[in-house]
Amino acid sequence: MIVGLDHVQLALPAGAEDQMLAFYCDLLGMTEQAKPAALQGRGGFWARAASLECHFGVDPDFHPATKAHPAFIAHDLDALARRLAKAGYPIKWDTALADVKRFFTADPVGNRIELIATNV
């Protein structure tokens, strides 16, 4: 039976690692993690935010995920939205859930990303 979540995997095209690192680490605040030596030749990278680990893997037949997506919880959602907009990323606020403050954006390769305000 499932007892937890080890990591989330997102795909990227070959050669997009630098753009994706800048987005997920510089803009969203994740920290790059060393990949095991046995996996380093595959491209991509791993990143972490608090207890969440994300693996970014090269897909030779890459197509952005425009419906399936991770939903990250973030502090100061308004500031994050401003930071992303200033960097040229789309911000689409969603009010369908009255008690959830959230917006959607796309990462540099077009994957859909949801950002949700923390209740802390």
PDB file of N, CA and C in Angstrom:
ATOM      1  N   MET A   1       0.836  -1.190   0.000  1.00  0.00           N
ATOM      2  CA  MET A   1       0.000   0.000   0.000  1.00  0.00           C
ATOM      3  C   MET A   1       0.878   1.250   0.000  1.00  0.00           C
ATOM      4  N   ILE A   2       0.406   2.286  -0.645  1.00  0.00           N
ATOM      5  CA  ILE A   2       1.161   3.541  -0.740  1.00  0.00           C
ATOM      6  C   ILE A   2       1.215   4.205   0.631  1.00  0.00           C
ATOM      7  N   VAL A   3       2.410   4.664   1.006  1.00  0.00           N
ATOM      8  CA  VAL A   3       2.591   5.329   2.290  1.00  0.00           C
ATOM      9  C   VAL A   3       3.202   6.720   2.163  1.00  0.00           C
ATOM     10  N   GLY A   4       3.529   7.137   0.936  1.00  0.00           N
ATOM     11  CA  GLY A   4       4.121   8.453   0.766  1.00  0.00           C
ATOM     12  C   GLY A   4       4.471   8.710  -0.686  1.00  0.00           C
ATOM     13  N   LEU A   5       5.080   9.850  -0.911  1.00  0.00           N
ATOM     14  CA  LEU A   5       5.513  10.253  -2.245  1.00  0.00           C
ATOM     15  C   LEU A   5       7.014  10.465  -2.202  1.00  0.00           C
ATOM     16  N   ASP A   6       7.751   9.749  -3.036  1.00  0.00           N
ATOM     17  CA  ASP A   6       9.204   9.870  -3.058  1.00  0.00           C
ATOM     18  C   ASP A   6       9.648  11.074  -3.885  1.00  0.00           C
ATOM     19  N   HIS A   7       9.091  11.224  -5.085  1.00  0.00           N
ATOM     20  CA  HIS A   7       9.461  12.357  -5.941  1.00  0.00           C
ATOM     21  C   HIS A   7       8.423  12.525  -7.050  1.00  0.00           C
ATOM     22  N   VAL A   8       8.508  13.664  -7.701  1.00  0.00           N
ATOM     23  CA  VAL A   8       7.718  13.968  -8.895  1.00  0.00           C
ATOM     24  C   VAL A   8       8.699  14.039 -10.052  1.00  0.00           C
ATOM     25  N   GLN A   9       8.321  13.496 -11.200  1.00  0.00           N
ATOM     26  CA  GLN A   9       9.177  13.549 -12.387  1.00  0.00           C
ATOM     27  C   GLN A   9       8.526  14.450 -13.432  1.00  0.00           C
ATOM     28  N   LEU A  10       9.289  15.392 -13.961  1.00  0.00           N
ATOM     29  CA  LEU A  10       8.843  16.237 -15.060  1.00  0.00           C
ATOM     30  C   LEU A  10       9.797  16.047 -16.229  1.00  0.00           C
ATOM     31  N   ALA A  11       9.265  16.085 -17.431  1.00  0.00           N
ATOM     32  CA  ALA A  11      10.076  15.880 -18.627  1.00  0.00           C
ATOM     33  C   ALA A  11      10.540  17.208 -19.211  1.00  0.00           C
ATOM     34  N   LEU A  12      11.652  17.122 -19.926  1.00  0.00           N
ATOM     35  CA  LEU A  12      12.183  18.271 -20.647  1.00  0.00           C
ATOM     36  C   LEU A  12      12.887  17.761 -21.893  1.00  0.00           C
ATOM     37  N   PRO A  13      13.009  18.614 -22.906  1.00  0.00           N
ATOM     38  CA  PRO A  13      13.761  18.198 -24.095  1.00  0.00           C
ATOM     39  C   PRO A  13      15.264  18.292 -23.828  1.00  0.00           C
ATOM     40  N   ALA A  14      16.037  17.517 -24.551  1.00  0.00           N
ATOM     41  CA  ALA A  14      17.500  17.570 -24.428  1.00  0.00           C
ATOM     42  C   ALA A  14      17.976  19.005 -24.643  1.00  0.00           C
ATOM     43  N   GLY A  15      18.903  19.436 -23.811  1.00  0.00           N
ATOM     44  CA  GLY A  15      19.487  20.766 -23.944  1.00  0.00           C
ATOM     45  C   GLY A  15      18.768  21.867 -23.189  1.00  0.00           C
ATOM     46  N   ALA A  16      17.661  21.556 -22.519  1.00  0.00           N
ATOM     47  CA  ALA A  16      16.890  22.589 -21.810  1.00  0.00           C
ATOM     48  C   ALA A  16      17.218  22.660 -20.321  1.00  0.00           C
ATOM     49  N   GLU A  17      18.229  21.936 -19.886  1.00  0.00           N
ATOM     50  CA  GLU A  17      18.542  21.893 -18.454  1.00  0.00           C
ATOM     51  C   GLU A  17      18.816  23.274 -17.856  1.00  0.00           C
ATOM     52  N   ASP A  18      19.599  24.101 -18.524  1.00  0.00           N
ATOM     53  CA  ASP A  18      19.943  25.415 -17.958  1.00  0.00           C
ATOM     54  C   ASP A  18      18.704  26.290 -17.768  1.00  0.00           C
ATOM     55  N   GLN A  19      17.813  26.304 -18.762  1.00  0.00           N
ATOM     56  CA  GLN A  19      16.570  27.085 -18.648  1.00  0.00           C
ATOM     57  C   GLN A  19      15.713  26.565 -17.494  1.00  0.00           C
ATOM     58  N   MET A  20      15.609  25.252 -17.408  1.00  0.00           N
ATOM     59  CA  MET A  20      14.770  24.647 -16.370  1.00  0.00           C
ATOM     60  C   MET A  20      15.366  24.855 -14.979  1.00  0.00           C
ATOM     61  N   LEU A  21      16.688  24.744 -14.860  1.00  0.00           N
ATOM     62  CA  LEU A  21      17.343  25.024 -13.585  1.00  0.00           C
ATOM     63  C   LEU A  21      17.088  26.464 -13.151  1.00  0.00           C
ATOM     64  N   ALA A  22      17.203  27.400 -14.080  1.00  0.00           N
ATOM     65  CA  ALA A  22      16.961  28.811 -13.758  1.00  0.00           C
ATOM     66  C   ALA A  22      15.529  29.013 -13.270  1.00  0.00           C
ATOM     67  N   PHE A  23      14.573  28.360 -13.898  1.00  0.00           N
ATOM     68  CA  PHE A  23      13.171  28.504 -13.511  1.00  0.00           C
ATOM     69  C   PHE A  23      12.911  27.879 -12.136  1.00  0.00           C
ATOM     70  N   TYR A  24      13.247  26.616 -11.994  1.00  0.00           N
ATOM     71  CA  TYR A  24      12.898  25.899 -10.768  1.00  0.00           C
ATOM     72  C   TYR A  24      13.774  26.271  -9.582  1.00  0.00           C
ATOM     73  N   CYS A  25      15.046  26.560  -9.817  1.00  0.00           N
ATOM     74  CA  CYS A  25      15.931  26.893  -8.702  1.00  0.00           C
ATOM     75  C   CYS A  25      16.002  28.401  -8.444  1.00  0.00           C
ATOM     76  N   ASP A  26      16.264  29.192  -9.480  1.00  0.00           N
ATOM     77  CA  ASP A  26      16.413  30.631  -9.270  1.00  0.00           C
ATOM     78  C   ASP A  26      15.070  31.320  -9.003  1.00  0.00           C
ATOM     79  N   LEU A  27      14.045  31.008  -9.791  1.00  0.00           N
ATOM     80  CA  LEU A  27      12.756  31.688  -9.631  1.00  0.00           C
ATOM     81  C   LEU A  27      11.862  31.060  -8.553  1.00  0.00           C
ATOM     82  N   LEU A  28      11.779  29.735  -8.536  1.00  0.00           N
ATOM     83  CA  LEU A  28      10.886  29.082  -7.571  1.00  0.00           C
ATOM     84  C   LEU A  28      11.571  28.752  -6.249  1.00  0.00           C
ATOM     85  N   GLY A  29      12.878  28.799  -6.208  1.00  0.00           N
ATOM     86  CA  GLY A  29      13.585  28.619  -4.942  1.00  0.00           C
ATOM     87  C   GLY A  29      13.966  27.196  -4.576  1.00  0.00           C
ATOM     88  N   MET A  30      13.907  26.274  -5.527  1.00  0.00           N
ATOM     89  CA  MET A  30      14.357  24.912  -5.247  1.00  0.00           C
ATOM     90  C   MET A  30      15.888  24.896  -5.217  1.00  0.00           C
ATOM     91  N   THR A  31      16.444  23.806  -4.707  1.00  0.00           N
ATOM     92  CA  THR A  31      17.890  23.629  -4.640  1.00  0.00           C
ATOM     93  C   THR A  31      18.266  22.406  -5.462  1.00  0.00           C
ATOM     94  N   GLU A  32      19.239  22.567  -6.367  1.00  0.00           N
ATOM     95  CA  GLU A  32      19.673  21.420  -7.168  1.00  0.00           C
ATOM     96  C   GLU A  32      20.320  20.381  -6.261  1.00  0.00           C
ATOM     97  N   GLN A  33      20.009  19.119  -6.528  1.00  0.00           N
ATOM     98  CA  GLN A  33      20.558  17.992  -5.777  1.00  0.00           C
ATOM     99  C   GLN A  33      21.442  17.165  -6.707  1.00  0.00           C
ATOM    100  N   ALA A  34      22.488  16.587  -6.172  1.00  0.00           N
ATOM    101  CA  ALA A  34      23.357  15.733  -6.984  1.00  0.00           C
ATOM    102  C   ALA A  34      22.610  14.452  -7.353  1.00  0.00           C
ATOM    103  N   LYS A  35      22.698  14.092  -8.626  1.00  0.00           N
ATOM    104  CA  LYS A  35      22.130  12.814  -9.071  1.00  0.00           C
ATOM    105  C   LYS A  35      23.140  11.705  -8.781  1.00  0.00           C
ATOM    106  N   PRO A  36      22.659  10.503  -8.539  1.00  0.00           N
ATOM    107  CA  PRO A  36      23.599   9.388  -8.380  1.00  0.00           C
ATOM    108  C   PRO A  36      24.463   9.246  -9.632  1.00  0.00           C
ATOM    109  N   ALA A  37      25.715   8.857  -9.452  1.00  0.00           N
ATOM    110  CA  ALA A  37      26.662   8.743 -10.563  1.00  0.00           C
ATOM    111  C   ALA A  37      26.117   7.871 -11.690  1.00  0.00           C
ATOM    112  N   ALA A  38      25.399   6.828 -11.354  1.00  0.00           N
ATOM    113  CA  ALA A  38      24.868   5.910 -12.368  1.00  0.00           C
ATOM    114  C   ALA A  38      23.829   6.565 -13.268  1.00  0.00           C
ATOM    115  N   LEU A  39      23.247   7.680 -12.843  1.00  0.00           N
ATOM    116  CA  LEU A  39      22.189   8.350 -13.617  1.00  0.00           C
ATOM    117  C   LEU A  39      22.644   9.644 -14.281  1.00  0.00           C
ATOM    118  N   GLN A  40      23.838  10.102 -13.993  1.00  0.00           N
ATOM    119  CA  GLN A  40      24.290  11.400 -14.490  1.00  0.00           C
ATOM    120  C   GLN A  40      24.386  11.477 -16.001  1.00  0.00           C
ATOM    121  N   GLY A  41      24.670  10.390 -16.687  1.00  0.00           N
ATOM    122  CA  GLY A  41      24.804  10.416 -18.138  1.00  0.00           C
ATOM    123  C   GLY A  41      23.493  10.552 -18.885  1.00  0.00           C
ATOM    124  N   ARG A  42      22.381  10.515 -18.196  1.00  0.00           N
ATOM    125  CA  ARG A  42      21.070  10.596 -18.842  1.00  0.00           C
ATOM    126  C   ARG A  42      20.604  12.026 -19.086  1.00  0.00           C
ATOM    127  N   GLY A  43      21.329  13.002 -18.579  1.00  0.00           N
ATOM    128  CA  GLY A  43      20.885  14.389 -18.684  1.00  0.00           C
ATOM    129  C   GLY A  43      19.859  14.683 -17.610  1.00  0.00           C
ATOM    130  N   GLY A  44      19.296  15.865 -17.682  1.00  0.00           N
ATOM    131  CA  GLY A  44      18.332  16.270 -16.665  1.00  0.00           C
ATOM    132  C   GLY A  44      19.016  16.654 -15.367  1.00  0.00           C
ATOM    133  N   PHE A  45      18.215  16.787 -14.320  1.00  0.00           N
ATOM    134  CA  PHE A  45      18.736  17.163 -13.006  1.00  0.00           C
ATOM    135  C   PHE A  45      17.691  16.832 -11.948  1.00  0.00           C
ATOM    136  N   TRP A  46      18.100  16.904 -10.714  1.00  0.00           N
ATOM    137  CA  TRP A  46      17.185  16.722  -9.587  1.00  0.00           C
ATOM    138  C   TRP A  46      17.186  18.006  -8.772  1.00  0.00           C
ATOM    139  N   ALA A  47      16.040  18.326  -8.179  1.00  0.00           N
ATOM    140  CA  ALA A  47      15.931  19.515  -7.336  1.00  0.00           C
ATOM    141  C   ALA A  47      15.034  19.197  -6.144  1.00  0.00           C
ATOM    142  N   ARG A  48      15.194  19.997  -5.096  1.00  0.00           N
ATOM    143  CA  ARG A  48      14.432  19.775  -3.868  1.00  0.00           C
ATOM    144  C   ARG A  48      13.940  21.110  -3.318  1.00  0.00           C
ATOM    145  N   ALA A  49      12.753  21.058  -2.711  1.00  0.00           N
ATOM    146  CA  ALA A  49      12.200  22.176  -1.946  1.00  0.00           C
ATOM    147  C   ALA A  49      11.560  21.560  -0.707  1.00  0.00           C
ATOM    148  N   ALA A  50      12.103  21.883   0.462  1.00  0.00           N
ATOM    149  CA  ALA A  50      11.653  21.270   1.721  1.00  0.00           C
ATOM    150  C   ALA A  50      11.738  19.750   1.571  1.00  0.00           C
ATOM    151  N   SER A  51      10.644  19.033   1.771  1.00  0.00           N
ATOM    152  CA  SER A  51      10.686  17.569   1.668  1.00  0.00           C
ATOM    153  C   SER A  51      10.299  17.066   0.277  1.00  0.00           C
ATOM    154  N   LEU A  52      10.020  17.968  -0.651  1.00  0.00           N
ATOM    155  CA  LEU A  52       9.611  17.579  -2.003  1.00  0.00           C
ATOM    156  C   LEU A  52      10.824  17.471  -2.917  1.00  0.00           C
ATOM    157  N   GLU A  53      10.961  16.321  -3.552  1.00  0.00           N
ATOM    158  CA  GLU A  53      12.031  16.146  -4.528  1.00  0.00           C
ATOM    159  C   GLU A  53      11.426  16.044  -5.923  1.00  0.00           C
ATOM    160  N   CYS A  54      11.997  16.780  -6.862  1.00  0.00           N
ATOM    161  CA  CYS A  54      11.555  16.744  -8.253  1.00  0.00           C
ATOM    162  C   CYS A  54      12.717  16.268  -9.114  1.00  0.00           C
ATOM    163  N   HIS A  55      12.421  15.321  -9.980  1.00  0.00           N
ATOM    164  CA  HIS A  55      13.411  14.836 -10.943  1.00  0.00           C
ATOM    165  C   HIS A  55      13.002  15.361 -12.310  1.00  0.00           C
ATOM    166  N   PHE A  56      13.946  15.912 -13.030  1.00  0.00           N
ATOM    167  CA  PHE A  56      13.693  16.464 -14.351  1.00  0.00           C
ATOM    168  C   PHE A  56      14.476  15.609 -15.342  1.00  0.00           C
ATOM    169  N   GLY A  57      13.748  14.855 -16.153  1.00  0.00           N
ATOM    170  CA  GLY A  57      14.384  13.900 -17.039  1.00  0.00           C
ATOM    171  C   GLY A  57      14.219  14.255 -18.505  1.00  0.00           C
ATOM    172  N   VAL A  58      15.266  13.998 -19.265  1.00  0.00           N
ATOM    173  CA  VAL A  58      15.249  14.250 -20.709  1.00  0.00           C
ATOM    174  C   VAL A  58      14.377  13.198 -21.388  1.00  0.00           C
ATOM    175  N   ASP A  59      13.438  13.677 -22.188  1.00  0.00           N
ATOM    176  CA  ASP A  59      12.564  12.804 -22.979  1.00  0.00           C
ATOM    177  C   ASP A  59      12.873  13.075 -24.451  1.00  0.00           C
ATOM    178  N   PRO A  60      13.400  12.085 -25.172  1.00  0.00           N
ATOM    179  CA  PRO A  60      13.749  12.311 -26.581  1.00  0.00           C
ATOM    180  C   PRO A  60      12.541  12.618 -27.461  1.00  0.00           C
ATOM    181  N   ASP A  61      11.350  12.266 -27.010  1.00  0.00           N
ATOM    182  CA  ASP A  61      10.115  12.562 -27.749  1.00  0.00           C
ATOM    183  C   ASP A  61       9.271  13.537 -26.927  1.00  0.00           C
ATOM    184  N   PHE A  62       9.913  14.603 -26.437  1.00  0.00           N
ATOM    185  CA  PHE A  62       9.275  15.525 -25.501  1.00  0.00           C
ATOM    186  C   PHE A  62       8.063  16.237 -26.081  1.00  0.00           C
ATOM    187  N   HIS A  63       7.005  16.277 -25.294  1.00  0.00           N
ATOM    188  CA  HIS A  63       5.820  17.100 -25.529  1.00  0.00           C
ATOM    189  C   HIS A  63       5.451  17.679 -24.172  1.00  0.00           C
ATOM    190  N   PRO A  64       5.231  18.989 -24.060  1.00  0.00           N
ATOM    191  CA  PRO A  64       4.922  19.550 -22.751  1.00  0.00           C
ATOM    192  C   PRO A  64       3.620  18.993 -22.183  1.00  0.00           C
ATOM    193  N   ALA A  65       3.604  18.832 -20.875  1.00  0.00           N
ATOM    194  CA  ALA A  65       2.389  18.411 -20.168  1.00  0.00           C
ATOM    195  C   ALA A  65       1.540  19.666 -19.955  1.00  0.00           C
ATOM    196  N   THR A  66       0.464  19.796 -20.700  1.00  0.00           N
ATOM    197  CA  THR A  66      -0.359  21.008 -20.622  1.00  0.00           C
ATOM    198  C   THR A  66      -1.625  20.811 -19.785  1.00  0.00           C
ATOM    199  N   LYS A  67      -1.887  19.597 -19.340  1.00  0.00           N
ATOM    200  CA  LYS A  67      -3.004  19.330 -18.428  1.00  0.00           C
ATOM    201  C   LYS A  67      -2.473  18.732 -17.126  1.00  0.00           C
ATOM    202  N   ALA A  68      -1.799  17.578 -17.204  1.00  0.00           N
ATOM    203  CA  ALA A  68      -1.190  16.988 -16.014  1.00  0.00           C
ATOM    204  C   ALA A  68      -0.147  17.964 -15.481  1.00  0.00           C
ATOM    205  N   HIS A  69      -0.046  18.094 -14.156  1.00  0.00           N
ATOM    206  CA  HIS A  69       0.863  19.084 -13.597  1.00  0.00           C
ATOM    207  C   HIS A  69       1.117  18.838 -12.116  1.00  0.00           C
ATOM    208  N   PRO A  70       2.263  19.331 -11.617  1.00  0.00           N
ATOM    209  CA  PRO A  70       2.459  19.373 -10.174  1.00  0.00           C
ATOM    210  C   PRO A  70       1.792  20.632  -9.625  1.00  0.00           C
ATOM    211  N   ALA A  71       1.396  20.565  -8.381  1.00  0.00           N
ATOM    212  CA  ALA A  71       0.844  21.737  -7.686  1.00  0.00           C
ATOM    213  C   ALA A  71       1.745  21.992  -6.482  1.00  0.00           C
ATOM    214  N   PHE A  72       2.510  23.059  -6.542  1.00  0.00           N
ATOM    215  CA  PHE A  72       3.442  23.403  -5.479  1.00  0.00           C
ATOM    216  C   PHE A  72       2.798  24.394  -4.519  1.00  0.00           C
ATOM    217  N   ILE A  73       3.037  24.214  -3.231  1.00  0.00           N
ATOM    218  CA  ILE A  73       2.570  25.151  -2.208  1.00  0.00           C
ATOM    219  C   ILE A  73       3.683  26.165  -1.995  1.00  0.00           C
ATOM    220  N   ALA A  74       3.327  27.438  -1.956  1.00  0.00           N
ATOM    221  CA  ALA A  74       4.341  28.486  -1.849  1.00  0.00           C
ATOM    222  C   ALA A  74       3.941  29.560  -0.844  1.00  0.00           C
ATOM    223  N   HIS A  75       4.953  30.112  -0.174  1.00  0.00           N
ATOM    224  CA  HIS A  75       4.762  31.283   0.684  1.00  0.00           C
ATOM    225  C   HIS A  75       4.708  32.522  -0.206  1.00  0.00           C
ATOM    226  N   ASP A  76       3.982  33.530   0.205  1.00  0.00           N
ATOM    227  CA  ASP A  76       3.895  34.818  -0.488  1.00  0.00           C
ATOM    228  C   ASP A  76       3.639  34.642  -1.981  1.00  0.00           C
ATOM    229  N   LEU A  77       2.466  34.090  -2.268  1.00  0.00           N
ATOM    230  CA  LEU A  77       2.089  33.776  -3.645  1.00  0.00           C
ATOM    231  C   LEU A  77       2.056  35.018  -4.536  1.00  0.00           C
ATOM    232  N   ASP A  78       1.631  36.147  -3.985  1.00  0.00           N
ATOM    233  CA  ASP A  78       1.584  37.382  -4.779  1.00  0.00           C
ATOM    234  C   ASP A  78       2.981  37.791  -5.243  1.00  0.00           C
ATOM    235  N   ALA A  79       3.956  37.720  -4.345  1.00  0.00           N
ATOM    236  CA  ALA A  79       5.333  38.073  -4.711  1.00  0.00           C
ATOM    237  C   ALA A  79       5.874  37.096  -5.752  1.00  0.00           C
ATOM    238  N   LEU A  80       5.555  35.823  -5.603  1.00  0.00           N
ATOM    239  CA  LEU A  80       6.016  34.837  -6.572  1.00  0.00           C
ATOM    240  C   LEU A  80       5.398  35.096  -7.948  1.00  0.00           C
ATOM    241  N   ALA A  81       4.120  35.435  -7.970  1.00  0.00           N
ATOM    242  CA  ALA A  81       3.454  35.752  -9.239  1.00  0.00           C
ATOM    243  C   ALA A  81       4.118  36.958  -9.905  1.00  0.00           C
ATOM    244  N   ARG A  82       4.447  37.980  -9.118  1.00  0.00           N
ATOM    245  CA  ARG A  82       5.120  39.166  -9.674  1.00  0.00           C
ATOM    246  C   ARG A  82       6.499  38.794 -10.228  1.00  0.00           C
ATOM    247  N   ARG A  83       7.236  37.978  -9.489  1.00  0.00           N
ATOM    248  CA  ARG A  83       8.570  37.565  -9.917  1.00  0.00           C
ATOM    249  C   ARG A  83       8.503  36.803 -11.240  1.00  0.00           C
ATOM    250  N   LEU A  84       7.557  35.872 -11.340  1.00  0.00           N
ATOM    251  CA  LEU A  84       7.416  35.092 -12.567  1.00  0.00           C
ATOM    252  C   LEU A  84       6.970  35.970 -13.737  1.00  0.00           C
ATOM    253  N   ALA A  85       6.013  36.858 -13.496  1.00  0.00           N
ATOM    254  CA  ALA A  85       5.537  37.754 -14.554  1.00  0.00           C
ATOM    255  C   ALA A  85       6.673  38.658 -15.044  1.00  0.00           C
ATOM    256  N   LYS A  86       7.472  39.173 -14.114  1.00  0.00           N
ATOM    257  CA  LYS A  86       8.594  40.036 -14.484  1.00  0.00           C
ATOM    258  C   LYS A  86       9.600  39.273 -15.349  1.00  0.00           C
ATOM    259  N   ALA A  87       9.726  37.966 -15.102  1.00  0.00           N
ATOM    260  CA  ALA A  87      10.648  37.137 -15.886  1.00  0.00           C
ATOM    261  C   ALA A  87      10.024  36.669 -17.203  1.00  0.00           C
ATOM    262  N   GLY A  88       8.766  37.062 -17.452  1.00  0.00           N
ATOM    263  CA  GLY A  88       8.131  36.757 -18.730  1.00  0.00           C
ATOM    264  C   GLY A  88       7.263  35.511 -18.759  1.00  0.00           C
ATOM    265  N   TYR A  89       6.967  34.941 -17.599  1.00  0.00           N
ATOM    266  CA  TYR A  89       6.131  33.744 -17.554  1.00  0.00           C
ATOM    267  C   TYR A  89       4.668  34.120 -17.391  1.00  0.00           C
ATOM    268  N   PRO A  90       3.764  33.363 -18.010  1.00  0.00           N
ATOM    269  CA  PRO A  90       2.334  33.688 -17.915  1.00  0.00           C
ATOM    270  C   PRO A  90       1.800  33.390 -16.518  1.00  0.00           C
ATOM    271  N   ILE A  91       0.895  34.224 -16.056  1.00  0.00           N
ATOM    272  CA  ILE A  91       0.240  34.029 -14.760  1.00  0.00           C
ATOM    273  C   ILE A  91      -1.253  34.003 -15.021  1.00  0.00           C
ATOM    274  N   LYS A  92      -1.886  32.892 -14.660  1.00  0.00           N
ATOM    275  CA  LYS A  92      -3.335  32.777 -14.815  1.00  0.00           C
ATOM    276  C   LYS A  92      -3.943  32.433 -13.453  1.00  0.00           C
ATOM    277  N   TRP A  93      -4.469  33.464 -12.797  1.00  0.00           N
ATOM    278  CA  TRP A  93      -5.112  33.251 -11.501  1.00  0.00           C
ATOM    279  C   TRP A  93      -6.383  32.443 -11.705  1.00  0.00           C
ATOM    280  N   ASP A  94      -6.673  31.574 -10.762  1.00  0.00           N
ATOM    281  CA  ASP A  94      -7.860  30.726 -10.850  1.00  0.00           C
ATOM    282  C   ASP A  94      -8.654  30.862  -9.557  1.00  0.00           C
ATOM    283  N   THR A  95      -9.933  31.179  -9.692  1.00  0.00           N
ATOM    284  CA  THR A  95     -10.799  31.360  -8.522  1.00  0.00           C
ATOM    285  C   THR A  95     -11.913  30.311  -8.455  1.00  0.00           C
ATOM    286  N   ALA A  96     -11.751  29.214  -9.176  1.00  0.00           N
ATOM    287  CA  ALA A  96     -12.783  28.174  -9.189  1.00  0.00           C
ATOM    288  C   ALA A  96     -12.991  27.562  -7.811  1.00  0.00           C
ATOM    289  N   LEU A  97     -11.956  27.504  -6.998  1.00  0.00           N
ATOM    290  CA  LEU A  97     -12.058  26.992  -5.629  1.00  0.00           C
ATOM    291  C   LEU A  97     -11.989  28.190  -4.688  1.00  0.00           C
ATOM    292  N   ALA A  98     -13.109  28.548  -4.123  1.00  0.00           N
ATOM    293  CA  ALA A  98     -13.219  29.784  -3.353  1.00  0.00           C
ATOM    294  C   ALA A  98     -12.236  29.863  -2.182  1.00  0.00           C
ATOM    295  N   ASP A  99     -11.893  28.750  -1.580  1.00  0.00           N
ATOM    296  CA  ASP A  99     -11.017  28.773  -0.409  1.00  0.00           C
ATOM    297  C   ASP A  99      -9.556  28.471  -0.736  1.00  0.00           C
ATOM    298  N   VAL A 100      -9.202  28.474  -2.027  1.00  0.00           N
ATOM    299  CA  VAL A 100      -7.829  28.178  -2.443  1.00  0.00           C
ATOM    300  C   VAL A 100      -7.313  29.322  -3.317  1.00  0.00           C
ATOM    301  N   LYS A 101      -6.258  29.977  -2.837  1.00  0.00           N
ATOM    302  CA  LYS A 101      -5.615  31.027  -3.639  1.00  0.00           C
ATOM    303  C   LYS A 101      -4.549  30.350  -4.483  1.00  0.00           C
ATOM    304  N   ARG A 102      -4.684  30.450  -5.824  1.00  0.00           N
ATOM    305  CA  ARG A 102      -3.758  29.753  -6.697  1.00  0.00           C
ATOM    306  C   ARG A 102      -3.672  30.406  -8.067  1.00  0.00           C
ATOM    307  N   PHE A 103      -2.590  30.078  -8.766  1.00  0.00           N
ATOM    308  CA  PHE A 103      -2.464  30.463 -10.164  1.00  0.00           C
ATOM    309  C   PHE A 103      -1.729  29.365 -10.916  1.00  0.00           C
ATOM    310  N   PHE A 104      -1.838  29.420 -12.228  1.00  0.00           N
ATOM    311  CA  PHE A 104      -1.141  28.494 -13.107  1.00  0.00           C
ATOM    312  C   PHE A 104      -0.135  29.278 -13.930  1.00  0.00           C
ATOM    313  N   THR A 105       0.946  28.608 -14.278  1.00  0.00           N
ATOM    314  CA  THR A 105       1.957  29.174 -15.169  1.00  0.00           C
ATOM    315  C   THR A 105       2.498  28.030 -16.024  1.00  0.00           C
ATOM    316  N   ALA A 106       3.481  28.319 -16.822  1.00  0.00           N
ATOM    317  CA  ALA A 106       4.156  27.286 -17.611  1.00  0.00           C
ATOM    318  C   ALA A 106       5.653  27.450 -17.399  1.00  0.00           C
ATOM    319  N   ASP A 107       6.350  26.338 -17.300  1.00  0.00           N
ATOM    320  CA  ASP A 107       7.806  26.411 -17.163  1.00  0.00           C
ATOM    321  C   ASP A 107       8.424  26.712 -18.533  1.00  0.00           C
ATOM    322  N   PRO A 108       9.733  26.843 -18.633  1.00  0.00           N
ATOM    323  CA  PRO A 108      10.352  27.253 -19.900  1.00  0.00           C
ATOM    324  C   PRO A 108      10.078  26.341 -21.094  1.00  0.00           C
ATOM    325  N   VAL A 109       9.708  25.084 -20.846  1.00  0.00           N
ATOM    326  CA  VAL A 109       9.450  24.173 -21.962  1.00  0.00           C
ATOM    327  C   VAL A 109       7.962  23.909 -22.154  1.00  0.00           C
ATOM    328  N   GLY A 110       7.107  24.645 -21.428  1.00  0.00           N
ATOM    329  CA  GLY A 110       5.673  24.562 -21.637  1.00  0.00           C
ATOM    330  C   GLY A 110       4.903  23.641 -20.712  1.00  0.00           C
ATOM    331  N   ASN A 111       5.558  23.013 -19.728  1.00  0.00           N
ATOM    332  CA  ASN A 111       4.835  22.187 -18.765  1.00  0.00           C
ATOM    333  C   ASN A 111       3.969  23.065 -17.865  1.00  0.00           C
ATOM    334  N   ARG A 112       2.737  22.639 -17.639  1.00  0.00           N
ATOM    335  CA  ARG A 112       1.814  23.369 -16.766  1.00  0.00           C
ATOM    336  C   ARG A 112       2.245  23.207 -15.306  1.00  0.00           C
ATOM    337  N   ILE A 113       2.233  24.307 -14.566  1.00  0.00           N
ATOM    338  CA  ILE A 113       2.615  24.324 -13.161  1.00  0.00           C
ATOM    339  C   ILE A 113       1.541  25.084 -12.385  1.00  0.00           C
ATOM    340  N   GLU A 114       1.104  24.521 -11.275  1.00  0.00           N
ATOM    341  CA  GLU A 114       0.133  25.187 -10.395  1.00  0.00           C
ATOM    342  C   GLU A 114       0.876  25.625  -9.126  1.00  0.00           C
ATOM    343  N   LEU A 115       0.611  26.837  -8.682  1.00  0.00           N
ATOM    344  CA  LEU A 115       1.178  27.356  -7.441  1.00  0.00           C
ATOM    345  C   LEU A 115       0.021  27.709  -6.508  1.00  0.00           C
ATOM    346  N   ILE A 116       0.073  27.204  -5.288  1.00  0.00           N
ATOM    347  CA  ILE A 116      -0.997  27.372  -4.310  1.00  0.00           C
ATOM    348  C   ILE A 116      -0.436  28.068  -3.081  1.00  0.00           C
ATOM    349  N   ALA A 117      -1.193  29.017  -2.539  1.00  0.00           N
ATOM    350  CA  ALA A 117      -0.764  29.736  -1.346  1.00  0.00           C
ATOM    351  C   ALA A 117      -0.793  28.826  -0.119  1.00  0.00           C
ATOM    352  N   THR A 118       0.252  28.904   0.667  1.00  0.00           N
ATOM    353  CA  THR A 118       0.286  28.182   1.928  1.00  0.00           C
ATOM    354  C   THR A 118      -0.695  28.839   2.896  1.00  0.00           C
ATOM    355  N   ASN A 119      -1.230  28.068   3.789  1.00  0.00           N
ATOM    356  CA  ASN A 119      -2.153  28.609   4.788  1.00  0.00           C
ATOM    357  C   ASN A 119      -1.417  29.051   6.049  1.00  0.00           C
ATOM    358  N   VAL A 120      -0.083  29.037   6.018  1.00  0.00           N
ATOM    359  CA  VAL A 120       0.719  29.416   7.182  1.00  0.00           C
ATOM    360  C   VAL A 120       1.015  30.895   7.133  1.00  0.00           C
TER     361      VAL A 120
END
